[in-house]
N, C-alpha and C. Protein backbone atom coordinates (compact mmCIF):
# COMPACT_ATOMS: atom_id res chain seq x y z
N MET A 1 4.61 15.67 -11.45
CA MET A 1 4.90 14.41 -10.78
C MET A 1 5.95 13.61 -11.57
N PRO A 2 6.91 13.00 -10.85
CA PRO A 2 7.99 12.33 -11.47
C PRO A 2 7.40 11.18 -12.32
N ASP A 3 7.90 10.87 -13.53
CA ASP A 3 7.50 9.78 -14.35
C ASP A 3 7.60 8.45 -13.60
N ARG A 4 8.62 8.28 -12.75
CA ARG A 4 8.79 7.02 -12.10
C ARG A 4 7.64 6.68 -11.19
N VAL A 5 7.01 7.73 -10.58
CA VAL A 5 5.90 7.53 -9.73
C VAL A 5 4.68 7.07 -10.47
N LEU A 6 4.48 7.70 -11.67
CA LEU A 6 3.34 7.22 -12.55
C LEU A 6 3.62 5.81 -13.05
N ALA A 7 4.86 5.56 -13.41
CA ALA A 7 5.20 4.27 -13.93
C ALA A 7 4.97 3.17 -12.86
N ARG A 8 5.28 3.48 -11.57
CA ARG A 8 5.17 2.51 -10.49
C ARG A 8 3.75 2.22 -10.26
N SER A 9 2.86 3.20 -10.47
CA SER A 9 1.44 3.04 -10.14
C SER A 9 0.65 2.45 -11.28
N HIS A 10 1.23 2.46 -12.49
CA HIS A 10 0.49 1.99 -13.67
C HIS A 10 -0.12 0.61 -13.53
N ALA A 11 0.69 -0.38 -13.11
CA ALA A 11 0.18 -1.74 -13.03
C ALA A 11 -0.88 -1.86 -12.00
N HIS A 12 -0.72 -1.20 -10.85
CA HIS A 12 -1.73 -1.26 -9.82
C HIS A 12 -3.00 -0.63 -10.23
N ARG A 13 -2.93 0.57 -10.87
CA ARG A 13 -4.12 1.22 -11.34
C ARG A 13 -4.92 0.38 -12.37
N THR A 14 -4.15 -0.18 -13.29
CA THR A 14 -4.80 -1.02 -14.34
C THR A 14 -5.52 -2.15 -13.78
N GLU A 15 -4.92 -2.89 -12.75
CA GLU A 15 -5.59 -4.01 -12.16
C GLU A 15 -6.72 -3.53 -11.28
N PHE A 16 -6.58 -2.50 -10.52
CA PHE A 16 -7.62 -2.02 -9.65
C PHE A 16 -8.82 -1.54 -10.36
N PHE A 17 -8.57 -0.77 -11.48
CA PHE A 17 -9.73 -0.23 -12.23
C PHE A 17 -10.47 -1.35 -12.91
N GLU A 18 -9.83 -2.38 -13.32
CA GLU A 18 -10.47 -3.50 -14.00
C GLU A 18 -11.29 -4.27 -12.97
N ASN A 19 -10.71 -4.58 -11.85
CA ASN A 19 -11.39 -5.37 -10.80
C ASN A 19 -12.51 -4.67 -10.14
N GLU A 20 -12.42 -3.32 -10.04
CA GLU A 20 -13.48 -2.56 -9.35
C GLU A 20 -14.32 -1.70 -10.31
N ARG A 21 -14.33 -2.09 -11.52
CA ARG A 21 -15.00 -1.26 -12.58
C ARG A 21 -16.44 -0.99 -12.28
N GLU A 22 -17.15 -1.97 -11.83
CA GLU A 22 -18.56 -1.78 -11.53
C GLU A 22 -18.84 -0.79 -10.45
N LEU A 23 -18.02 -0.95 -9.36
CA LEU A 23 -18.15 -0.03 -8.20
C LEU A 23 -17.82 1.42 -8.66
N LEU A 24 -16.72 1.55 -9.32
CA LEU A 24 -16.24 2.83 -9.74
C LEU A 24 -17.20 3.57 -10.73
N GLU A 25 -17.74 2.79 -11.59
CA GLU A 25 -18.78 3.36 -12.46
C GLU A 25 -20.03 3.81 -11.74
N SER A 26 -20.38 3.06 -10.76
CA SER A 26 -21.54 3.43 -9.99
C SER A 26 -21.31 4.73 -9.18
N LEU A 27 -20.08 4.82 -8.60
CA LEU A 27 -19.72 6.05 -7.89
C LEU A 27 -19.69 7.18 -8.84
N ALA A 28 -19.20 7.07 -10.03
CA ALA A 28 -19.09 8.14 -10.99
C ALA A 28 -20.49 8.53 -11.38
N GLY A 29 -21.42 7.62 -11.52
CA GLY A 29 -22.73 7.92 -12.02
C GLY A 29 -23.65 8.40 -10.96
N HIS A 30 -23.50 7.98 -9.72
CA HIS A 30 -24.49 8.29 -8.63
C HIS A 30 -23.93 9.16 -7.53
N GLY A 31 -22.61 9.40 -7.54
CA GLY A 31 -22.06 10.27 -6.48
C GLY A 31 -21.63 9.44 -5.26
N GLN A 32 -21.08 10.15 -4.23
CA GLN A 32 -20.58 9.51 -3.07
C GLN A 32 -21.58 9.59 -1.95
N PHE A 33 -21.58 8.56 -1.16
CA PHE A 33 -22.43 8.43 0.10
C PHE A 33 -21.71 7.79 1.21
N PRO A 34 -20.55 8.34 1.65
CA PRO A 34 -19.80 7.79 2.76
C PRO A 34 -20.59 7.86 4.03
N ASP A 35 -20.34 6.91 4.90
CA ASP A 35 -21.02 6.99 6.18
C ASP A 35 -20.08 7.49 7.30
N ALA A 36 -18.82 7.75 6.95
CA ALA A 36 -17.85 8.25 7.96
C ALA A 36 -16.89 9.19 7.32
N MET A 37 -16.48 10.12 8.17
CA MET A 37 -15.27 10.99 7.84
C MET A 37 -14.14 10.61 8.69
N PHE A 38 -12.97 10.55 8.16
CA PHE A 38 -11.79 10.21 8.82
C PHE A 38 -10.80 11.36 8.76
N ILE A 39 -10.43 11.89 9.91
CA ILE A 39 -9.38 12.95 9.98
C ILE A 39 -8.18 12.36 10.65
N GLY A 40 -7.13 12.18 9.85
CA GLY A 40 -5.88 11.51 10.36
C GLY A 40 -4.70 12.41 10.02
N CYS A 41 -3.57 11.83 10.45
CA CYS A 41 -2.27 12.55 10.20
C CYS A 41 -1.81 12.29 8.74
N SER A 42 -1.00 13.17 8.28
CA SER A 42 -0.45 13.08 6.92
C SER A 42 0.59 11.98 6.88
N ASP A 43 1.01 11.44 7.98
CA ASP A 43 2.10 10.37 8.02
C ASP A 43 1.84 9.30 7.02
N SER A 44 2.83 9.00 6.23
CA SER A 44 2.70 7.97 5.12
C SER A 44 2.40 6.59 5.65
N ARG A 45 2.61 6.35 6.91
CA ARG A 45 2.47 4.96 7.51
C ARG A 45 1.04 4.81 8.00
N VAL A 46 0.23 5.82 8.04
CA VAL A 46 -1.10 5.79 8.61
C VAL A 46 -2.07 5.90 7.40
N VAL A 47 -2.63 4.78 6.93
CA VAL A 47 -3.47 4.76 5.70
C VAL A 47 -4.87 4.47 6.16
N PRO A 48 -5.74 5.48 6.07
CA PRO A 48 -7.15 5.30 6.57
C PRO A 48 -7.88 4.09 5.93
N GLU A 49 -7.74 3.81 4.66
CA GLU A 49 -8.41 2.73 4.05
C GLU A 49 -7.95 1.41 4.57
N ILE A 50 -6.61 1.31 4.85
CA ILE A 50 -6.17 0.05 5.40
C ILE A 50 -6.65 -0.18 6.83
N LEU A 51 -6.60 0.91 7.70
CA LEU A 51 -7.04 0.80 9.11
C LEU A 51 -8.48 0.42 9.15
N THR A 52 -9.29 0.88 8.26
CA THR A 52 -10.74 0.64 8.30
C THR A 52 -11.32 -0.33 7.37
N GLY A 53 -10.49 -0.80 6.50
CA GLY A 53 -11.00 -1.78 5.45
C GLY A 53 -11.95 -1.21 4.54
N ALA A 54 -11.80 0.11 4.27
CA ALA A 54 -12.69 0.86 3.42
C ALA A 54 -12.44 0.70 1.95
N ARG A 55 -13.51 0.73 1.13
CA ARG A 55 -13.41 0.76 -0.33
C ARG A 55 -13.71 2.12 -0.80
N PRO A 56 -13.46 2.40 -2.12
CA PRO A 56 -13.81 3.70 -2.66
C PRO A 56 -15.26 4.09 -2.36
N GLY A 57 -15.50 5.29 -1.93
CA GLY A 57 -16.83 5.74 -1.57
C GLY A 57 -17.20 5.57 -0.10
N ASP A 58 -16.39 4.80 0.62
CA ASP A 58 -16.79 4.51 2.07
C ASP A 58 -16.38 5.64 3.04
N LEU A 59 -15.25 6.27 2.76
CA LEU A 59 -14.68 7.29 3.68
C LEU A 59 -14.54 8.66 3.02
N PHE A 60 -14.87 9.71 3.78
CA PHE A 60 -14.46 11.07 3.39
C PHE A 60 -13.30 11.41 4.24
N VAL A 61 -12.13 11.67 3.63
CA VAL A 61 -10.86 11.68 4.34
C VAL A 61 -10.14 13.13 4.26
N VAL A 62 -9.64 13.48 5.39
CA VAL A 62 -8.79 14.63 5.49
C VAL A 62 -7.53 14.15 6.28
N ARG A 63 -6.34 14.49 5.71
CA ARG A 63 -5.12 14.14 6.36
C ARG A 63 -4.23 15.37 6.54
N VAL A 64 -3.91 15.71 7.69
CA VAL A 64 -3.12 16.95 7.96
C VAL A 64 -2.06 16.53 9.07
N VAL A 65 -1.07 17.36 9.22
CA VAL A 65 -0.03 17.10 10.24
C VAL A 65 -0.69 17.03 11.61
N ALA A 66 -0.44 15.99 12.30
CA ALA A 66 -0.85 15.79 13.75
C ALA A 66 -2.42 15.76 13.85
N ASN A 67 -3.10 15.39 12.77
CA ASN A 67 -4.59 15.23 12.79
C ASN A 67 -5.28 16.40 13.54
N ILE A 68 -4.90 17.58 13.19
CA ILE A 68 -5.38 18.80 13.94
C ILE A 68 -6.64 19.34 13.22
N VAL A 69 -7.56 19.74 14.04
CA VAL A 69 -8.82 20.51 13.63
C VAL A 69 -8.73 21.83 14.29
N PRO A 70 -8.34 22.88 13.60
CA PRO A 70 -8.36 24.20 14.24
C PRO A 70 -9.73 24.57 14.76
N PRO A 71 -9.87 25.19 15.89
CA PRO A 71 -11.23 25.65 16.36
C PRO A 71 -11.86 26.55 15.39
N TYR A 72 -13.20 26.59 15.35
CA TYR A 72 -13.84 27.52 14.47
C TYR A 72 -13.48 28.90 14.84
N GLY A 73 -13.29 29.77 13.85
CA GLY A 73 -13.05 31.22 14.06
C GLY A 73 -11.58 31.56 14.09
N THR A 74 -10.66 30.54 13.89
CA THR A 74 -9.23 30.86 13.95
C THR A 74 -8.71 31.43 12.66
N GLY A 75 -9.48 31.34 11.55
CA GLY A 75 -8.95 31.85 10.27
C GLY A 75 -8.44 30.66 9.46
N GLN A 76 -8.32 29.48 10.08
CA GLN A 76 -7.80 28.27 9.35
C GLN A 76 -9.03 27.46 8.93
N ASN A 77 -9.35 27.64 7.69
CA ASN A 77 -10.70 27.14 7.21
C ASN A 77 -10.68 25.82 6.49
N ALA A 78 -9.56 25.36 5.99
CA ALA A 78 -9.58 24.21 5.18
C ALA A 78 -10.18 22.95 5.73
N VAL A 79 -9.75 22.61 6.94
CA VAL A 79 -10.24 21.40 7.61
C VAL A 79 -11.70 21.63 7.99
N GLY A 80 -12.06 22.87 8.45
CA GLY A 80 -13.42 23.17 8.86
C GLY A 80 -14.39 23.05 7.64
N ALA A 81 -13.93 23.53 6.48
CA ALA A 81 -14.71 23.37 5.28
C ALA A 81 -15.08 21.96 4.98
N ALA A 82 -14.11 21.05 5.11
CA ALA A 82 -14.28 19.65 4.83
C ALA A 82 -15.22 19.04 5.87
N VAL A 83 -15.09 19.49 7.12
CA VAL A 83 -15.98 18.99 8.15
C VAL A 83 -17.37 19.40 7.86
N GLU A 84 -17.65 20.62 7.55
CA GLU A 84 -18.95 21.10 7.22
C GLU A 84 -19.59 20.34 6.05
N PHE A 85 -18.76 20.19 5.01
CA PHE A 85 -19.25 19.48 3.82
C PHE A 85 -19.64 18.05 4.14
N ALA A 86 -18.81 17.35 4.91
CA ALA A 86 -19.08 16.03 5.30
C ALA A 86 -20.39 15.87 6.16
N VAL A 87 -20.54 16.80 7.13
CA VAL A 87 -21.70 16.71 8.04
C VAL A 87 -22.93 17.31 7.44
N GLN A 88 -22.80 18.38 6.72
CA GLN A 88 -24.05 19.05 6.21
C GLN A 88 -24.48 18.41 4.86
N ARG A 89 -23.63 18.19 4.05
CA ARG A 89 -23.98 17.77 2.64
C ARG A 89 -23.97 16.29 2.46
N LEU A 90 -22.87 15.61 3.03
CA LEU A 90 -22.84 14.14 2.85
C LEU A 90 -23.59 13.40 3.97
N ARG A 91 -23.87 14.14 5.07
CA ARG A 91 -24.67 13.56 6.15
C ARG A 91 -23.99 12.35 6.72
N VAL A 92 -22.66 12.44 6.86
CA VAL A 92 -21.94 11.22 7.50
C VAL A 92 -22.51 10.96 8.87
N GLU A 93 -22.46 9.80 9.31
CA GLU A 93 -22.90 9.41 10.62
C GLU A 93 -21.87 9.28 11.63
N HIS A 94 -20.63 9.16 11.17
CA HIS A 94 -19.47 8.96 12.10
C HIS A 94 -18.38 9.91 11.72
N LEU A 95 -17.68 10.55 12.70
CA LEU A 95 -16.59 11.41 12.45
C LEU A 95 -15.41 10.94 13.37
N ILE A 96 -14.30 10.54 12.76
CA ILE A 96 -13.21 9.91 13.46
C ILE A 96 -12.00 10.82 13.49
N ILE A 97 -11.43 11.06 14.67
CA ILE A 97 -10.09 11.73 14.76
C ILE A 97 -9.17 10.56 15.08
N CYS A 98 -8.15 10.36 14.23
CA CYS A 98 -7.19 9.23 14.45
C CYS A 98 -5.79 9.83 14.53
N GLY A 99 -5.21 9.67 15.80
CA GLY A 99 -3.80 9.99 16.02
C GLY A 99 -2.97 8.72 15.91
N HIS A 100 -1.65 8.84 16.06
CA HIS A 100 -0.82 7.64 16.02
C HIS A 100 0.53 7.87 16.76
N THR A 101 1.09 6.79 17.18
CA THR A 101 2.36 6.90 17.90
C THR A 101 3.49 7.25 16.96
N ASP A 102 4.59 7.72 17.44
CA ASP A 102 5.75 8.12 16.64
C ASP A 102 5.34 9.26 15.72
N CYS A 103 4.48 10.13 16.15
CA CYS A 103 3.96 11.17 15.28
C CYS A 103 5.01 12.36 15.25
N GLY A 104 5.40 12.66 14.05
CA GLY A 104 6.42 13.71 13.87
C GLY A 104 5.89 15.08 14.30
N GLY A 105 4.66 15.32 14.07
CA GLY A 105 4.04 16.60 14.42
C GLY A 105 4.02 16.78 15.90
N ILE A 106 3.67 15.75 16.60
CA ILE A 106 3.60 15.85 18.09
C ILE A 106 5.05 15.95 18.67
N LYS A 107 5.97 15.19 18.05
CA LYS A 107 7.37 15.35 18.52
C LYS A 107 7.89 16.74 18.31
N ALA A 108 7.53 17.35 17.13
CA ALA A 108 7.93 18.78 16.89
C ALA A 108 7.36 19.71 17.86
N LEU A 109 6.07 19.45 18.22
CA LEU A 109 5.44 20.26 19.23
C LEU A 109 6.11 20.19 20.55
N ASP A 110 6.47 19.01 20.89
CA ASP A 110 7.14 18.77 22.26
C ASP A 110 8.61 19.25 22.33
N ASN A 111 9.31 19.14 21.23
CA ASN A 111 10.73 19.43 21.13
C ASN A 111 11.01 20.80 20.64
N GLY A 112 10.02 21.45 20.00
CA GLY A 112 10.31 22.86 19.46
C GLY A 112 10.53 22.84 17.98
N VAL A 113 10.09 23.89 17.31
CA VAL A 113 10.32 24.04 15.87
C VAL A 113 10.81 25.44 15.63
N ASP A 114 11.77 25.58 14.74
CA ASP A 114 12.42 26.85 14.37
C ASP A 114 11.38 27.68 13.61
N MET A 115 10.91 28.80 14.13
CA MET A 115 9.94 29.63 13.49
C MET A 115 10.41 30.26 12.19
N VAL A 116 11.73 30.41 12.10
CA VAL A 116 12.38 31.02 10.92
C VAL A 116 12.35 30.05 9.78
N THR A 117 12.79 28.80 10.00
CA THR A 117 12.89 27.88 8.89
C THR A 117 11.65 27.06 8.62
N GLU A 118 10.78 26.89 9.62
CA GLU A 118 9.52 26.19 9.50
C GLU A 118 8.34 26.95 10.05
N PRO A 119 8.09 28.15 9.59
CA PRO A 119 7.00 29.00 10.18
C PRO A 119 5.71 28.34 10.09
N ALA A 120 5.29 27.78 8.94
CA ALA A 120 4.00 27.19 8.80
C ALA A 120 3.77 26.05 9.76
N THR A 121 4.76 25.19 9.87
CA THR A 121 4.70 24.07 10.87
C THR A 121 4.62 24.55 12.26
N ALA A 122 5.42 25.50 12.62
CA ALA A 122 5.42 26.07 13.94
C ALA A 122 4.04 26.61 14.29
N ASN A 123 3.41 27.39 13.42
CA ASN A 123 2.10 27.90 13.72
C ASN A 123 1.03 26.83 13.72
N TRP A 124 1.13 25.87 12.87
CA TRP A 124 0.10 24.85 12.85
C TRP A 124 0.02 23.99 14.05
N ILE A 125 1.15 23.55 14.48
CA ILE A 125 1.16 22.59 15.68
C ILE A 125 0.82 23.30 17.02
N GLU A 126 0.77 24.60 16.96
CA GLU A 126 0.32 25.32 18.16
C GLU A 126 -1.15 24.99 18.49
N PHE A 127 -1.91 24.49 17.51
CA PHE A 127 -3.25 24.09 17.75
C PHE A 127 -3.35 22.85 18.61
N ALA A 128 -2.18 22.12 18.75
CA ALA A 128 -2.18 20.99 19.74
C ALA A 128 -1.52 21.32 21.03
N ARG A 129 -1.03 22.61 21.18
CA ARG A 129 -0.29 22.96 22.43
C ARG A 129 -1.09 22.68 23.72
N PRO A 130 -2.33 22.85 23.84
CA PRO A 130 -2.97 22.52 25.12
C PRO A 130 -2.84 21.10 25.54
N ALA A 131 -2.79 20.20 24.59
CA ALA A 131 -2.56 18.77 24.96
C ALA A 131 -1.18 18.60 25.52
N GLN A 132 -0.21 19.24 24.90
CA GLN A 132 1.18 19.09 25.36
C GLN A 132 1.34 19.74 26.75
N SER A 133 0.75 20.90 26.90
CA SER A 133 0.89 21.60 28.25
C SER A 133 0.28 20.77 29.36
N GLN A 134 -0.82 20.10 29.07
CA GLN A 134 -1.58 19.30 30.12
C GLN A 134 -0.65 18.16 30.55
N VAL A 135 -0.06 17.51 29.54
CA VAL A 135 0.86 16.36 29.80
C VAL A 135 2.11 16.78 30.53
N ALA A 136 2.62 17.87 30.12
CA ALA A 136 3.88 18.42 30.68
C ALA A 136 3.76 18.54 32.23
N ALA A 137 2.59 18.88 32.64
CA ALA A 137 2.35 19.09 34.11
C ALA A 137 2.34 17.78 34.83
N LEU A 138 2.27 16.65 34.15
CA LEU A 138 2.21 15.35 34.83
C LEU A 138 3.63 14.79 35.10
N GLY A 139 4.63 15.40 34.48
CA GLY A 139 6.02 14.94 34.77
C GLY A 139 6.41 13.60 34.04
N LEU A 140 5.64 13.21 33.04
CA LEU A 140 5.96 12.00 32.32
C LEU A 140 7.17 12.17 31.38
N THR A 141 7.83 11.15 31.07
CA THR A 141 9.03 11.24 30.17
C THR A 141 8.97 10.11 29.12
N GLY A 142 9.80 10.27 28.11
CA GLY A 142 9.95 9.19 27.07
C GLY A 142 8.64 8.86 26.29
N ASP A 143 8.60 7.51 26.10
CA ASP A 143 7.39 7.01 25.32
C ASP A 143 6.08 7.27 26.07
N ALA A 144 6.07 7.24 27.33
CA ALA A 144 4.83 7.48 28.13
C ALA A 144 4.38 8.91 27.92
N ARG A 145 5.29 9.84 27.83
CA ARG A 145 4.95 11.28 27.64
C ARG A 145 4.41 11.46 26.18
N HIS A 146 5.13 10.88 25.20
CA HIS A 146 4.68 10.97 23.83
C HIS A 146 3.26 10.43 23.62
N ARG A 147 3.07 9.21 24.14
CA ARG A 147 1.77 8.61 23.99
C ARG A 147 0.62 9.43 24.62
N ALA A 148 1.00 9.97 25.79
CA ALA A 148 -0.05 10.82 26.52
C ALA A 148 -0.39 12.07 25.69
N ILE A 149 0.59 12.63 25.06
CA ILE A 149 0.29 13.85 24.25
C ILE A 149 -0.52 13.45 22.97
N VAL A 150 -0.13 12.35 22.37
CA VAL A 150 -0.88 11.89 21.21
C VAL A 150 -2.35 11.65 21.59
N GLU A 151 -2.61 10.96 22.76
CA GLU A 151 -3.95 10.71 23.14
C GLU A 151 -4.68 12.01 23.47
N GLY A 152 -3.98 12.83 24.22
CA GLY A 152 -4.56 14.09 24.63
C GLY A 152 -4.91 15.00 23.41
N ASN A 153 -4.05 14.93 22.42
CA ASN A 153 -4.27 15.68 21.19
C ASN A 153 -5.55 15.20 20.50
N VAL A 154 -5.82 13.83 20.42
CA VAL A 154 -7.02 13.33 19.87
C VAL A 154 -8.25 13.91 20.56
N LEU A 155 -8.18 13.89 21.87
CA LEU A 155 -9.36 14.42 22.69
C LEU A 155 -9.51 15.94 22.43
N LEU A 156 -8.39 16.65 22.33
CA LEU A 156 -8.46 18.09 22.11
C LEU A 156 -9.09 18.34 20.70
N GLN A 157 -8.77 17.61 19.75
CA GLN A 157 -9.35 17.82 18.46
C GLN A 157 -10.82 17.46 18.37
N LEU A 158 -11.22 16.51 19.14
CA LEU A 158 -12.68 16.14 19.25
C LEU A 158 -13.41 17.41 19.84
N ASP A 159 -12.74 18.03 20.91
CA ASP A 159 -13.36 19.25 21.44
C ASP A 159 -13.46 20.37 20.39
N ASN A 160 -12.44 20.47 19.61
CA ASN A 160 -12.36 21.48 18.52
C ASN A 160 -13.46 21.32 17.53
N LEU A 161 -13.74 20.02 17.21
CA LEU A 161 -14.86 19.74 16.28
C LEU A 161 -16.16 20.29 16.75
N ARG A 162 -16.38 20.20 18.05
CA ARG A 162 -17.65 20.70 18.60
C ARG A 162 -17.89 22.21 18.46
N THR A 163 -16.78 22.92 18.19
CA THR A 163 -16.91 24.33 17.97
C THR A 163 -17.53 24.73 16.64
N TYR A 164 -17.71 23.74 15.80
CA TYR A 164 -18.32 24.02 14.49
C TYR A 164 -19.89 23.76 14.61
N ALA A 165 -20.62 24.70 14.13
CA ALA A 165 -22.04 24.58 14.26
C ALA A 165 -22.64 23.42 13.56
N ALA A 166 -22.14 23.02 12.52
CA ALA A 166 -22.61 21.85 11.78
C ALA A 166 -22.48 20.60 12.63
N VAL A 167 -21.37 20.47 13.37
CA VAL A 167 -21.10 19.35 14.27
C VAL A 167 -21.98 19.38 15.45
N SER A 168 -22.07 20.53 16.11
CA SER A 168 -22.91 20.58 17.31
C SER A 168 -24.36 20.37 17.02
N HIS A 169 -24.82 20.88 15.88
CA HIS A 169 -26.24 20.69 15.55
C HIS A 169 -26.49 19.16 15.23
N ALA A 170 -25.58 18.57 14.52
CA ALA A 170 -25.74 17.10 14.18
C ALA A 170 -25.71 16.27 15.44
N LEU A 171 -24.87 16.63 16.37
CA LEU A 171 -24.79 15.87 17.66
C LEU A 171 -26.19 16.08 18.39
N ALA A 172 -26.66 17.24 18.41
CA ALA A 172 -27.90 17.54 19.13
C ALA A 172 -29.11 16.81 18.53
N GLU A 173 -28.98 16.54 17.25
CA GLU A 173 -30.00 15.78 16.45
C GLU A 173 -29.80 14.29 16.52
N ASN A 174 -28.75 13.90 17.22
CA ASN A 174 -28.40 12.45 17.34
C ASN A 174 -28.16 11.71 16.00
N ARG A 175 -27.63 12.51 15.08
CA ARG A 175 -27.37 11.85 13.75
C ARG A 175 -25.86 11.76 13.44
N LEU A 176 -25.03 12.07 14.49
CA LEU A 176 -23.58 12.04 14.33
C LEU A 176 -22.97 11.49 15.58
N GLU A 177 -21.95 10.65 15.40
CA GLU A 177 -21.12 10.19 16.52
C GLU A 177 -19.69 10.56 16.25
N LEU A 178 -19.05 10.97 17.38
CA LEU A 178 -17.58 11.25 17.29
C LEU A 178 -16.83 10.16 17.90
N HIS A 179 -15.64 9.88 17.25
CA HIS A 179 -14.78 8.79 17.69
C HIS A 179 -13.33 9.29 17.75
N GLY A 180 -12.66 8.85 18.85
CA GLY A 180 -11.25 9.15 19.00
C GLY A 180 -10.40 7.92 18.98
N TRP A 181 -9.56 7.76 17.98
CA TRP A 181 -8.64 6.56 17.87
C TRP A 181 -7.16 6.93 17.90
N VAL A 182 -6.46 5.94 18.35
CA VAL A 182 -4.95 6.07 18.24
C VAL A 182 -4.44 4.74 17.74
N TYR A 183 -3.66 4.90 16.65
CA TYR A 183 -3.00 3.73 16.02
C TYR A 183 -1.59 3.56 16.52
N ASP A 184 -1.29 2.49 17.16
CA ASP A 184 0.02 2.15 17.66
C ASP A 184 0.87 1.48 16.52
N LEU A 185 1.85 2.26 16.00
CA LEU A 185 2.67 1.78 14.84
C LEU A 185 3.41 0.55 15.22
N ALA A 186 4.08 0.54 16.40
CA ALA A 186 4.94 -0.61 16.80
C ALA A 186 4.12 -1.80 17.18
N GLU A 187 3.03 -1.63 17.90
CA GLU A 187 2.25 -2.73 18.36
C GLU A 187 1.19 -3.24 17.40
N LEU A 188 1.02 -2.47 16.35
CA LEU A 188 -0.01 -2.79 15.28
C LEU A 188 -1.39 -2.94 15.98
N GLN A 189 -1.76 -1.96 16.87
CA GLN A 189 -2.96 -2.04 17.55
C GLN A 189 -3.70 -0.73 17.37
N LEU A 190 -5.04 -0.81 17.31
CA LEU A 190 -5.89 0.33 17.20
C LEU A 190 -6.65 0.50 18.56
N ARG A 191 -6.49 1.67 19.17
CA ARG A 191 -7.13 1.97 20.42
C ARG A 191 -8.22 3.01 20.19
N PHE A 192 -9.26 2.92 20.93
CA PHE A 192 -10.27 3.98 20.85
C PHE A 192 -10.62 4.52 22.21
N TYR A 193 -11.06 5.73 22.25
CA TYR A 193 -11.39 6.38 23.52
C TYR A 193 -12.72 5.95 24.00
N ASP A 194 -12.70 5.35 25.22
CA ASP A 194 -13.95 4.85 25.84
C ASP A 194 -14.30 5.85 26.90
N ALA A 195 -15.39 6.63 26.65
CA ALA A 195 -15.76 7.69 27.55
C ALA A 195 -16.13 7.11 28.93
N GLY A 196 -16.73 5.96 29.03
CA GLY A 196 -17.12 5.34 30.23
C GLY A 196 -15.94 5.07 31.15
N GLN A 197 -14.83 4.61 30.51
CA GLN A 197 -13.64 4.37 31.30
C GLN A 197 -12.64 5.57 31.28
N ASP A 198 -12.93 6.55 30.51
CA ASP A 198 -12.09 7.78 30.36
C ASP A 198 -10.70 7.39 30.00
N ARG A 199 -10.53 6.49 29.08
CA ARG A 199 -9.18 6.14 28.62
C ARG A 199 -9.29 5.43 27.26
N PHE A 200 -8.12 5.28 26.55
CA PHE A 200 -8.04 4.62 25.35
C PHE A 200 -7.86 3.08 25.57
N VAL A 201 -8.69 2.30 24.89
CA VAL A 201 -8.61 0.83 25.10
C VAL A 201 -8.47 0.18 23.66
N ILE A 202 -7.94 -1.01 23.70
CA ILE A 202 -7.74 -1.73 22.44
C ILE A 202 -9.09 -2.19 21.92
N PHE A 203 -9.29 -1.94 20.66
CA PHE A 203 -10.50 -2.41 19.98
C PHE A 203 -10.50 -3.95 19.77
N SER A 204 -11.60 -4.52 20.04
CA SER A 204 -11.81 -6.02 19.77
C SER A 204 -13.30 -6.13 19.47
N PRO A 205 -13.64 -7.28 18.73
CA PRO A 205 -15.04 -7.49 18.39
C PRO A 205 -15.94 -7.59 19.67
N SER A 206 -15.32 -8.01 20.85
CA SER A 206 -16.08 -8.10 22.07
C SER A 206 -16.18 -6.76 22.75
N ASN A 207 -15.50 -5.69 22.26
CA ASN A 207 -15.52 -4.40 22.86
C ASN A 207 -15.67 -3.39 21.74
N PRO A 208 -16.83 -3.38 21.12
CA PRO A 208 -16.94 -2.59 19.85
C PRO A 208 -17.42 -1.13 19.97
N GLN A 209 -17.65 -0.68 21.19
CA GLN A 209 -18.27 0.61 21.32
C GLN A 209 -17.24 1.73 21.20
N ALA A 210 -16.81 2.00 20.00
CA ALA A 210 -15.68 2.95 19.84
C ALA A 210 -16.22 4.37 19.49
N SER A 211 -17.05 4.87 20.45
CA SER A 211 -17.60 6.16 20.23
C SER A 211 -17.76 6.84 21.62
N GLU A 212 -17.91 8.15 21.59
CA GLU A 212 -18.11 8.91 22.86
C GLU A 212 -19.59 8.72 23.29
């Protein structure tokens, strides 16, 4: 890691460790007990702790390109292993898939990726292809098309989560809730999927039911 990165972080780490010493010592001594898992995009502009107001120990986080959860049995096990750990061992009560506007992964999916120069990316984003194909059939263009694919991809990944036995069993036992979110970078708004309305709506304290 470049020395300049460490130097830039030094002052922040020093202040944070001092201010949060009691909490951090408790977490080190007693372990983690997060109540939610957050699966979001790797995009540097989408920070789970800022979106949720979480402190250390509150969230179990996975960040991958285009917030993708490969279906069980595909041979892509990294995200699935994290899901199983969170649901089975940490017993999280909430599992969030969070997409966002201006998503580079979704743009790459829609515009095409060179398999020769970016083979890993090309293969990975194919797990979001059903969302893109569904929207393509609607004839949308521009921002409306992009937003629709982003939203469709969140719902697709929620479906993929259900292919994991740990998730399906936890849902059957009513000890887990799934949540689909989309963060609008330009509007600074967080939308959640409302199953009753079958659409993404803006979260507000008067409309708090952000789960399926």
